[in-house]
Amino acid sequence: MRKTVIFLLLLSTLLMAAAGAAWAQQDSPGYPIMKFTSDELLDNLARNSIFPKAKASSSPLRALPASYSVLNLLTYEPATHNQGSCGNCWIWAGTTLLDVALRDQKGIADRLSTQYATSCVPEMGLRTCCEGGTLWNFNQFYEAAGRLVPWGNQGADYQSGGLTCTACSSVDTTGSYPLGRIDIRTVDTTGEKQEVINTIKSLLNQNKAVWFAFYLGQPEDWLDFYGFWDGNSEDVPFDFSVYQDHFFGTGGGGHAVVIVGYDENDWLVLNSWGTVGGQRPSVLFRMPQNMDYGATVRIQDDDSGEIYNYPMFEFAALDVDFDAAAEPSTESVVLEGDMYYSLDLSANTAAMQAGRIRNLSSGGRSGTLYLTLWATSGNFDPDGTKYMLARYELGELEGGQSLENVSVTGQFTFPPNGEYRITLALSEWRTDNEEPGESIQDFYQFPGKVTLTHEKRSSGGGGGCFIDNAMH
């Protein structure tokens, strides 16, 4: 029996929506930083709030060593650890986290390519070359790519320092390392200072490099950091929290780096701005542990004019699974029953529902399954241009079994303003091909079109209806 469900698009006074691709590289006096709108900041804050939180060690702080570093687990050459004029610090920082994890978990000391993601992100529909991004963008790219490419491969060494955007097809992916999944764990900076310190130290002692993104509101704040970077040795610390409460104006921006260790007083931080003519031989700087981790900058919402306090600091780690997904069944997994979706802009989320997801094989386990909500200008084409609105990982499914009344919620990302058809797709991450990859197994395109803009609610409708096992 067919059912019709009304498409919901809920608005609140706080519109946390962003186009995503508008993060941009800033031509600073010396080094690139990332520029963004207040909507993009609020969108990033909403995403960060839903990630699982990292936990401090259950052992007393005194049980942790007085100093520790994962720098010995990182395969890098300081002289070429330099993003140049390209605003892709987020790719450099994220790749460093994966590099350390690969060495720690697999014993593989093979430097990973930053050019691979820089070149290929535009083809994934997430970014254009040398625009800025977030750890969430990094996670989205690599979970879809399903592999890590060595720096030494043809075309995989870094080439975009001068804003040159080489094609994704020019990067040789032969001999890449399979990547199963990446989970982000953030550090809660709203608690006691010692708890934040203990959590970061615990992550480092688990041999996890720690993502650190910071946001400075005024050009003068950035000039201070540029001067510090150019004028000091690696032993001198810099406290970003002294710039808290500054208004985030047109000169404001963000930068992503990596905490790779600590000693009695300071964090050891790896930047991606080169060795400064040998003055920073390891591309490092220090940051005091005794700082205000809950520091904020003030931002004004572009739509409402309301002032918000935005966290200056983001700390996060990655749980990485380098094992390929389970060998999938030889037959497809399918969608069945009633399909439904809704968008809630007050929470920046998208709800996705399917009556049943079934593995048609009598035996054998599926690969990792995902539900994804896509927006397209016309009829849905699995290989065509499309915008990812939301995504949710379902895990694996044994042969002959099914998931009933599946109802999940994913983080919503706005596409460019326009009129779209909406599609719910079931995809599977597979290992039975020459290269691991994800493919769409079944999908349902909702009838009608909806208008999605950042300024107003949708003018269209969505809904659901019964579908069979066939591809639609």
Protein backbone atom coordinates (compact mmCIF):
# COMPACT_ATOMS: atom_id res chain seq x y z
CA MET A 1 0.00 0.00 0.00
CA ARG A 2 1.32 3.39 -0.95
CA LYS A 3 1.67 6.12 1.60
CA THR A 4 2.14 9.83 1.15
CA VAL A 5 4.21 11.65 3.74
CA ILE A 6 4.50 15.42 3.86
CA PHE A 7 8.01 16.79 3.48
CA LEU A 8 8.98 18.86 6.52
CA LEU A 9 11.37 21.75 6.43
CA LEU A 10 11.58 23.33 9.87
CA LEU A 11 13.13 26.74 10.45
CA SER A 12 14.14 28.36 13.70
CA THR A 13 15.38 31.83 14.53
CA LEU A 14 18.92 30.45 14.33
CA LEU A 15 19.62 29.35 10.75
CA MET A 16 22.65 27.09 10.91
CA ALA A 17 23.07 26.51 7.18
CA ALA A 18 26.10 26.87 4.97
CA ALA A 19 27.01 26.22 1.36
CA GLY A 20 30.19 24.45 2.45
CA ALA A 21 32.19 25.16 -0.69
CA ALA A 22 32.50 28.83 0.24
CA TRP A 23 35.37 28.20 2.67
CA ALA A 24 38.23 29.99 0.99
CA GLN A 25 41.94 30.60 1.11
CA GLN A 26 42.97 34.03 2.31
CA ASP A 27 45.90 35.82 0.69
CA SER A 28 47.55 36.83 3.97
CA PRO A 29 50.76 38.87 4.16
CA GLY A 30 52.77 35.70 4.64
CA TYR A 31 50.71 32.56 4.97
CA PRO A 32 47.28 31.24 3.94
CA ILE A 33 44.39 31.09 6.41
CA MET A 34 40.79 30.00 5.88
CA LYS A 35 38.00 32.57 5.49
CA PHE A 36 34.33 31.88 6.06
CA THR A 37 30.98 33.45 6.80
CA SER A 38 29.12 33.39 10.11
CA ASP A 39 26.73 30.81 8.64
CA GLU A 40 29.65 28.54 7.83
CA LEU A 41 31.04 28.91 11.35
CA LEU A 42 27.69 28.09 12.92
CA ASP A 43 27.30 25.14 10.57
CA ASN A 44 30.71 23.84 11.64
CA LEU A 45 29.81 24.31 15.30
CA ALA A 46 26.61 22.31 14.83
CA ARG A 47 28.52 19.44 13.21
CA ASN A 48 31.18 19.38 15.93
CA SER A 49 28.50 19.17 18.61
CA ILE A 50 27.24 15.78 17.39
CA PHE A 51 30.60 13.97 17.23
CA PRO A 52 31.40 11.59 20.14
CA LYS A 53 33.57 13.13 22.82
CA ALA A 54 37.02 11.84 23.63
CA LYS A 55 37.43 10.71 27.23
CA ALA A 56 40.30 11.45 29.55
CA SER A 57 42.29 8.54 30.88
CA SER A 58 40.76 6.84 33.90
CA SER A 59 44.25 6.83 35.43
CA PRO A 60 45.32 9.78 37.56
CA LEU A 61 47.04 12.55 35.65
CA ARG A 62 50.28 11.77 37.49
CA ALA A 63 50.21 8.30 35.88
CA LEU A 64 50.75 9.85 32.46
CA PRO A 65 54.40 10.45 31.54
CA ALA A 66 55.74 13.95 32.08
CA SER A 67 56.46 14.23 28.37
CA TYR A 68 55.39 12.29 25.29
CA SER A 69 55.52 12.67 21.51
CA VAL A 70 54.17 10.83 18.48
CA LEU A 71 56.55 12.67 16.16
CA ASN A 72 58.61 9.49 15.79
CA LEU A 73 55.51 7.85 14.26
CA LEU A 74 55.18 10.52 11.58
CA THR A 75 56.88 9.95 8.23
CA TYR A 76 57.55 13.42 6.87
CA GLU A 77 60.27 15.63 5.46
CA PRO A 78 60.23 19.04 7.18
CA ALA A 79 61.57 20.88 4.13
CA THR A 80 58.54 19.79 2.07
CA HIS A 81 55.97 19.96 4.88
CA ASN A 82 54.73 23.24 3.46
CA GLN A 83 51.31 24.02 2.01
CA GLY A 84 52.65 27.13 0.26
CA SER A 85 49.93 29.56 -0.86
CA CYS A 86 47.25 26.85 -1.02
CA GLY A 87 44.56 27.12 1.67
CA ASN A 88 44.48 23.35 2.35
CA CYS A 89 45.82 23.27 5.91
CA TRP A 90 42.88 21.00 6.80
CA ILE A 91 44.19 18.36 4.38
CA TRP A 92 47.72 18.63 5.75
CA ALA A 93 46.53 18.33 9.34
CA GLY A 94 44.13 15.46 8.64
CA THR A 95 46.72 13.56 6.59
CA THR A 96 49.17 13.88 9.49
CA LEU A 97 46.63 12.18 11.78
CA LEU A 98 46.29 9.30 9.28
CA ASP A 99 50.05 9.06 8.78
CA VAL A 100 50.63 8.58 12.51
CA ALA A 101 47.79 6.05 12.75
CA LEU A 102 49.12 4.02 9.80
CA ARG A 103 52.57 3.77 11.38
CA ASP A 104 51.19 2.96 14.82
CA GLN A 105 48.56 0.39 13.81
CA LYS A 106 50.15 -1.22 10.77
CA GLY A 107 53.84 -0.52 11.23
CA ILE A 108 53.90 1.11 7.79
CA ALA A 109 56.33 4.02 7.55
CA ASP A 110 55.19 5.36 4.20
CA ARG A 111 54.55 9.07 3.88
CA LEU A 112 50.99 9.76 2.74
CA SER A 113 50.09 12.12 -0.07
CA THR A 114 48.44 15.48 0.62
CA GLN A 115 48.16 16.05 -3.14
CA TYR A 116 45.74 13.14 -3.54
CA ALA A 117 42.99 14.80 -1.51
CA THR A 118 43.87 18.28 -2.81
CA SER A 119 43.47 17.12 -6.41
CA CYS A 120 40.51 14.79 -5.92
CA VAL A 121 38.28 16.67 -3.47
CA PRO A 122 36.61 18.67 -6.29
CA GLU A 123 35.60 15.42 -8.02
CA MET A 124 33.95 14.25 -4.78
CA GLY A 125 31.74 17.35 -4.83
CA LEU A 126 33.06 18.66 -1.52
CA ARG A 127 35.67 21.34 -2.29
CA THR A 128 37.57 23.06 -5.04
CA CYS A 129 41.34 22.91 -5.04
CA CYS A 130 43.02 25.05 -2.34
CA GLU A 131 39.82 26.10 -0.59
CA GLY A 132 39.63 25.63 3.14
CA GLY A 133 37.69 22.93 4.95
CA THR A 134 37.01 21.13 8.20
CA LEU A 135 37.83 17.79 9.78
CA TRP A 136 34.31 16.71 8.81
CA ASN A 137 35.10 17.47 5.13
CA PHE A 138 38.32 15.46 5.48
CA ASN A 139 36.41 12.55 7.00
CA GLN A 140 33.80 12.65 4.22
CA PHE A 141 36.43 12.57 1.50
CA TYR A 142 38.45 9.66 2.85
CA GLU A 143 35.52 7.50 3.87
CA ALA A 144 34.25 7.81 0.30
CA ALA A 145 37.73 7.32 -1.24
CA GLY A 146 38.43 4.22 0.86
CA ARG A 147 42.20 4.35 0.37
CA LEU A 148 45.39 6.16 1.30
CA VAL A 149 47.87 7.04 -1.44
CA PRO A 150 51.64 7.11 -0.79
CA TRP A 151 53.45 10.40 -1.36
CA GLY A 152 55.99 8.62 -3.57
CA ASN A 153 53.45 7.63 -6.22
CA GLN A 154 53.52 9.33 -9.60
CA GLY A 155 51.76 12.68 -9.30
CA ALA A 156 51.15 12.20 -5.55
CA ASP A 157 53.95 14.46 -4.31
CA TYR A 158 52.80 17.93 -3.33
CA GLN A 159 52.39 20.25 -6.34
CA SER A 160 49.74 22.81 -5.31
CA GLY A 161 51.85 25.16 -3.20
CA GLY A 162 51.64 27.76 -5.93
CA LEU A 163 47.85 27.32 -6.29
CA THR A 164 48.26 24.82 -9.14
CA CYS A 165 45.29 22.46 -9.24
CA THR A 166 46.41 19.21 -10.82
CA ALA A 167 43.74 16.77 -12.01
CA CYS A 168 42.66 13.90 -9.80
CA SER A 169 43.41 11.49 -12.66
CA SER A 170 47.07 12.57 -12.62
CA VAL A 171 47.60 10.95 -9.19
CA ASP A 172 48.65 7.30 -9.44
CA THR A 173 46.74 5.29 -6.83
CA THR A 174 48.64 2.03 -7.43
CA GLY A 175 49.75 0.43 -4.18
CA SER A 176 47.40 2.49 -2.04
CA TYR A 177 46.43 1.31 1.44
CA PRO A 178 42.80 0.30 2.09
CA LEU A 179 40.84 2.40 4.55
CA GLY A 180 37.71 1.02 6.19
CA ARG A 181 36.30 3.87 8.25
CA ILE A 182 37.23 7.00 10.19
CA ASP A 183 35.42 8.17 13.32
CA ILE A 184 35.93 11.66 14.71
CA ARG A 185 36.18 12.19 18.47
CA THR A 186 36.24 15.76 19.73
CA VAL A 187 37.57 17.18 22.99
CA ASP A 188 35.08 19.05 25.17
CA THR A 189 36.68 22.44 25.87
CA THR A 190 33.86 23.71 28.11
CA GLY A 191 34.95 21.78 31.21
CA GLU A 192 37.76 22.22 33.70
CA LYS A 193 41.14 23.15 32.26
CA GLN A 194 42.86 20.14 33.79
CA GLU A 195 40.27 17.80 32.28
CA VAL A 196 40.95 19.21 28.80
CA ILE A 197 44.71 18.84 29.31
CA ASN A 198 44.31 15.29 30.60
CA THR A 199 42.12 14.31 27.63
CA ILE A 200 44.61 15.62 25.05
CA LYS A 201 47.49 13.92 26.86
CA SER A 202 45.52 10.67 27.00
CA LEU A 203 44.94 10.78 23.24
CA LEU A 204 48.64 11.37 22.57
CA ASN A 205 49.55 8.47 24.87
CA GLN A 206 47.25 6.29 22.74
CA ASN A 207 49.54 7.27 19.83
CA LYS A 208 46.93 9.54 18.30
CA ALA A 209 48.00 12.87 16.88
CA VAL A 210 45.49 15.57 17.82
CA TRP A 211 43.78 17.91 15.35
CA PHE A 212 43.93 21.53 16.53
CA ALA A 213 42.07 24.28 14.67
CA PHE A 214 42.11 27.84 15.96
CA TYR A 215 40.20 30.98 14.99
CA LEU A 216 41.47 34.55 15.30
CA GLY A 217 39.09 37.43 14.74
CA GLN A 218 41.19 40.40 13.67
CA PRO A 219 44.00 40.92 11.12
CA GLU A 220 46.20 42.30 13.91
CA ASP A 221 45.85 38.98 15.74
CA TRP A 222 47.07 37.10 12.69
CA LEU A 223 49.94 39.55 12.17
CA ASP A 224 51.09 38.76 15.71
CA PHE A 225 51.14 35.04 14.93
CA TYR A 226 52.90 35.56 11.58
CA GLY A 227 55.55 37.61 13.36
CA PHE A 228 55.91 34.94 16.03
CA TRP A 229 56.24 32.20 13.41
CA ASP A 230 58.86 34.09 11.42
CA GLY A 231 60.80 35.55 14.34
CA ASN A 232 61.22 32.82 16.95
CA SER A 233 62.79 29.42 17.42
CA GLU A 234 60.80 26.24 17.98
CA ASP A 235 61.32 26.48 21.76
CA VAL A 236 59.18 29.62 22.22
CA PRO A 237 55.44 29.17 23.07
CA PHE A 238 52.52 31.18 21.69
CA ASP A 239 49.23 31.63 23.61
CA PHE A 240 46.29 32.12 21.23
CA SER A 241 43.80 32.57 24.05
CA VAL A 242 45.01 36.13 24.75
CA TYR A 243 43.03 37.11 21.63
CA GLN A 244 39.72 35.90 23.00
CA ASP A 245 36.58 38.07 22.94
CA HIS A 246 37.75 39.84 19.80
CA PHE A 247 35.07 40.43 17.20
CA PHE A 248 35.36 38.12 14.20
CA GLY A 249 35.51 40.60 11.36
CA THR A 250 36.43 40.46 7.69
CA GLY A 251 40.06 39.93 8.68
CA GLY A 252 39.24 36.91 10.80
CA GLY A 253 40.06 33.36 9.82
CA GLY A 254 41.06 29.88 10.91
CA HIS A 255 43.99 27.50 10.59
CA ALA A 256 44.41 23.77 11.28
CA VAL A 257 47.57 22.26 12.75
CA VAL A 258 48.43 19.11 14.75
CA ILE A 259 49.46 18.58 18.38
CA VAL A 260 52.15 15.89 18.27
CA GLY A 261 53.40 15.92 21.87
CA TYR A 262 53.85 17.67 25.18
CA ASP A 263 56.35 18.27 27.96
CA GLU A 264 55.90 19.60 31.49
CA ASN A 265 54.56 23.00 30.40
CA ASP A 266 53.81 23.12 26.67
CA TRP A 267 52.12 21.40 23.77
CA LEU A 268 54.31 20.54 20.79
CA VAL A 269 52.50 21.63 17.60
CA LEU A 270 53.26 20.76 13.97
CA ASN A 271 52.41 23.47 11.43
CA SER A 272 52.35 23.20 7.62
CA TRP A 273 54.13 26.44 6.78
CA GLY A 274 57.64 25.10 6.14
CA THR A 275 60.93 25.47 7.98
CA VAL A 276 61.23 29.30 7.68
CA GLY A 277 64.64 29.04 6.07
CA GLY A 278 65.82 26.49 8.61
CA GLN A 279 64.75 28.50 11.64
CA ARG A 280 62.06 25.92 12.36
CA PRO A 281 63.87 22.72 11.30
CA SER A 282 60.95 20.46 12.31
CA VAL A 283 58.14 22.91 11.33
CA LEU A 284 57.11 23.05 15.01
CA PHE A 285 56.01 25.62 17.57
CA ARG A 286 54.97 25.43 21.21
CA MET A 287 51.74 26.40 22.93
CA PRO A 288 51.35 26.67 26.71
CA GLN A 289 49.17 24.12 28.46
CA ASN A 290 48.16 26.85 30.90
CA MET A 291 45.76 28.62 28.53
CA ASP A 292 42.04 29.29 28.39
CA TYR A 293 40.60 26.36 26.42
CA GLY A 294 37.09 27.77 26.62
CA ALA A 295 38.08 31.04 24.93
CA THR A 296 35.68 32.41 22.32
CA VAL A 297 35.51 35.03 19.59
CA ARG A 298 32.36 37.03 18.88
CA ILE A 299 30.58 36.53 15.59
CA GLN A 300 27.51 38.24 14.20
CA ASP A 301 24.95 36.11 12.39
CA ASP A 302 24.69 37.38 8.81
CA ASP A 303 20.92 36.82 8.75
CA SER A 304 19.62 37.76 12.20
CA GLY A 305 22.35 40.18 13.28
CA GLU A 306 22.56 38.39 16.62
CA ILE A 307 25.97 38.11 18.31
CA TYR A 308 27.27 34.66 19.28
CA ASN A 309 30.32 33.44 21.16
CA TYR A 310 32.17 30.99 18.92
CA PRO A 311 34.83 28.62 20.38
CA MET A 312 38.33 29.69 19.41
CA PHE A 313 39.69 26.15 19.59
CA GLU A 314 38.82 22.71 18.20
CA PHE A 315 40.66 19.60 19.37
CA ALA A 316 39.88 16.18 17.91
CA ALA A 317 41.32 12.74 17.19
CA LEU A 318 40.50 10.02 14.68
CA ASP A 319 39.65 6.40 15.31
CA VAL A 320 40.89 4.77 12.10
CA ASP A 321 40.11 1.28 10.79
CA PHE A 322 42.60 0.26 8.10
CA ASP A 323 40.97 -3.10 7.52
CA ALA A 324 38.88 -3.35 4.41
CA ALA A 325 35.16 -3.89 4.80
CA ALA A 326 33.94 -7.46 5.11
CA GLU A 327 33.75 -9.40 1.87
CA PRO A 328 30.27 -8.57 0.63
CA SER A 329 27.56 -10.88 -0.60
CA THR A 330 27.45 -11.58 -4.33
CA GLU A 331 23.91 -10.25 -4.56
CA SER A 332 22.69 -6.73 -3.95
CA VAL A 333 21.26 -5.25 -0.81
CA VAL A 334 17.98 -3.46 -1.48
CA LEU A 335 15.54 -0.88 -0.17
CA GLU A 336 11.93 -1.94 0.41
CA GLY A 337 8.77 -0.42 1.88
CA ASP A 338 7.95 3.21 2.57
CA MET A 339 10.62 5.88 2.08
CA TYR A 340 10.60 9.22 3.86
CA TYR A 341 12.84 12.18 4.62
CA SER A 342 12.64 15.47 6.49
CA LEU A 343 14.97 18.43 6.98
CA ASP A 344 15.27 20.32 10.26
CA LEU A 345 17.26 23.52 9.89
CA SER A 346 16.93 24.39 13.56
CA ALA A 347 19.22 21.44 14.30
CA ASN A 348 20.92 21.23 10.89
CA THR A 349 19.85 17.62 10.52
CA ALA A 350 18.14 15.41 7.97
CA ALA A 351 15.99 12.43 8.92
CA MET A 352 15.95 9.42 6.58
CA GLN A 353 13.58 6.47 6.87
CA ALA A 354 13.24 3.17 5.01
CA GLY A 355 10.69 0.47 5.69
CA ARG A 356 13.25 -2.29 5.20
CA ILE A 357 16.84 -2.84 4.08
CA ARG A 358 17.45 -6.44 3.03
CA ASN A 359 20.47 -8.54 2.09
CA LEU A 360 19.15 -10.87 -0.63
CA SER A 361 22.00 -13.35 -0.30
CA SER A 362 21.32 -16.54 1.66
CA GLY A 363 24.80 -16.30 3.11
CA GLY A 364 27.70 -13.91 3.19
CA ARG A 365 27.85 -10.55 4.86
CA SER A 366 27.44 -7.24 3.09
CA GLY A 367 30.05 -4.55 3.06
CA THR A 368 29.53 -1.41 5.10
CA LEU A 369 26.14 0.07 4.21
CA TYR A 370 25.26 3.76 4.05
CA LEU A 371 22.05 5.72 3.65
CA THR A 372 22.61 8.99 1.81
CA LEU A 373 20.25 11.80 0.88
CA TRP A 374 21.19 13.39 -2.45
CA ALA A 375 19.97 16.50 -4.32
CA THR A 376 20.09 16.65 -8.13
CA SER A 377 18.86 19.21 -10.64
CA GLY A 378 17.21 16.46 -12.72
CA ASN A 379 16.70 12.73 -12.59
CA PHE A 380 19.12 10.93 -10.28
CA ASP A 381 22.16 9.33 -11.90
CA PRO A 382 24.49 7.36 -9.58
CA ASP A 383 27.45 8.49 -11.67
CA GLY A 384 26.20 12.00 -12.39
CA THR A 385 26.54 15.35 -10.61
CA LYS A 386 24.82 15.37 -7.24
CA TYR A 387 24.98 17.13 -3.87
CA MET A 388 25.21 15.17 -0.63
CA LEU A 389 22.66 16.51 1.86
CA ALA A 390 23.13 13.95 4.63
CA ARG A 391 24.75 10.57 5.22
CA TYR A 392 24.51 7.84 7.85
CA GLU A 393 26.56 4.65 8.31
CA LEU A 394 24.44 1.54 8.98
CA GLY A 395 27.20 -1.07 9.36
CA GLU A 396 27.19 -4.55 7.82
CA LEU A 397 24.27 -6.92 7.25
CA GLU A 398 24.33 -10.71 7.29
CA GLY A 399 22.99 -12.60 4.28
CA GLY A 400 19.25 -13.33 4.43
CA GLN A 401 18.71 -10.76 7.16
CA SER A 402 17.09 -7.35 7.05
CA LEU A 403 16.89 -4.11 8.98
CA GLU A 404 13.28 -3.17 9.73
CA ASN A 405 11.81 0.34 10.03
CA VAL A 406 15.15 2.05 9.64
CA SER A 407 15.02 5.61 10.96
CA VAL A 408 18.27 7.56 11.16
CA THR A 409 19.40 11.19 11.32
CA GLY A 410 22.43 12.70 9.64
CA GLN A 411 24.05 16.11 9.65
CA PHE A 412 22.49 18.30 6.93
CA THR A 413 24.61 20.27 4.45
CA PHE A 414 23.04 22.89 2.17
CA PRO A 415 23.65 22.59 -1.57
CA PRO A 416 23.94 25.76 -3.65
CA ASN A 417 20.65 27.63 -3.83
CA GLY A 418 18.36 26.03 -6.39
CA GLU A 419 15.52 23.68 -7.26
CA TYR A 420 16.23 19.99 -6.72
CA ARG A 421 14.90 16.47 -6.83
CA ILE A 422 15.68 14.49 -3.67
CA THR A 423 16.87 10.88 -3.67
CA LEU A 424 17.45 8.39 -0.86
CA ALA A 425 20.25 5.99 -1.81
CA LEU A 426 21.60 2.77 -0.26
CA SER A 427 25.29 2.21 -0.96
CA GLU A 428 27.79 -0.48 -0.04
CA TRP A 429 31.52 -0.24 0.56
CA ARG A 430 32.97 -3.26 -1.25
CA THR A 431 36.31 -5.07 -1.46
CA ASP A 432 35.60 -7.58 -4.21
CA ASN A 433 36.85 -5.31 -6.99
CA GLU A 434 40.43 -4.58 -7.99
CA GLU A 435 40.27 -1.52 -5.76
CA PRO A 436 38.07 -1.03 -2.70
CA GLY A 437 35.20 1.29 -3.40
CA GLU A 438 31.68 2.33 -2.59
CA SER A 439 28.80 1.81 -5.03
CA ILE A 440 25.11 2.66 -4.94
CA GLN A 441 23.05 -0.54 -4.72
CA ASP A 442 19.50 0.83 -4.66
CA PHE A 443 17.82 4.22 -4.53
CA TYR A 444 14.46 5.92 -4.52
CA GLN A 445 13.82 9.35 -6.02
CA PHE A 446 11.04 11.25 -4.30
CA PRO A 447 8.38 12.78 -6.58
CA GLY A 448 8.36 16.48 -7.35
CA LYS A 449 10.99 19.13 -6.74
CA VAL A 450 11.94 21.29 -3.78
CA THR A 451 13.55 24.70 -3.67
CA LEU A 452 16.45 24.88 -1.21
CA THR A 453 17.89 28.25 -0.33
CA HIS A 454 19.62 29.70 2.68
CA GLU A 455 17.05 32.45 3.01
CA LYS A 456 13.65 30.79 2.93
CA ARG A 457 11.83 27.52 3.50
CA SER A 458 11.31 25.10 0.66
CA SER A 459 8.49 25.81 -1.79
CA GLY A 460 8.15 22.16 -2.78
CA GLY A 461 7.16 18.87 -1.26
CA GLY A 462 8.68 15.50 -0.71
CA GLY A 463 7.34 12.39 0.83
CA GLY A 464 7.44 8.69 0.35
CA CYS A 465 5.87 5.79 -1.38
CA PHE A 466 6.27 2.04 -1.75
CA ILE A 467 9.12 0.74 -3.93
CA ASP A 468 10.15 -2.72 -5.03
CA ASN A 469 13.56 -4.37 -5.29
CA ALA A 470 14.52 -2.86 -8.63
CA MET A 471 16.83 0.05 -9.15
CA HIS A 472 14.81 3.22 -9.77
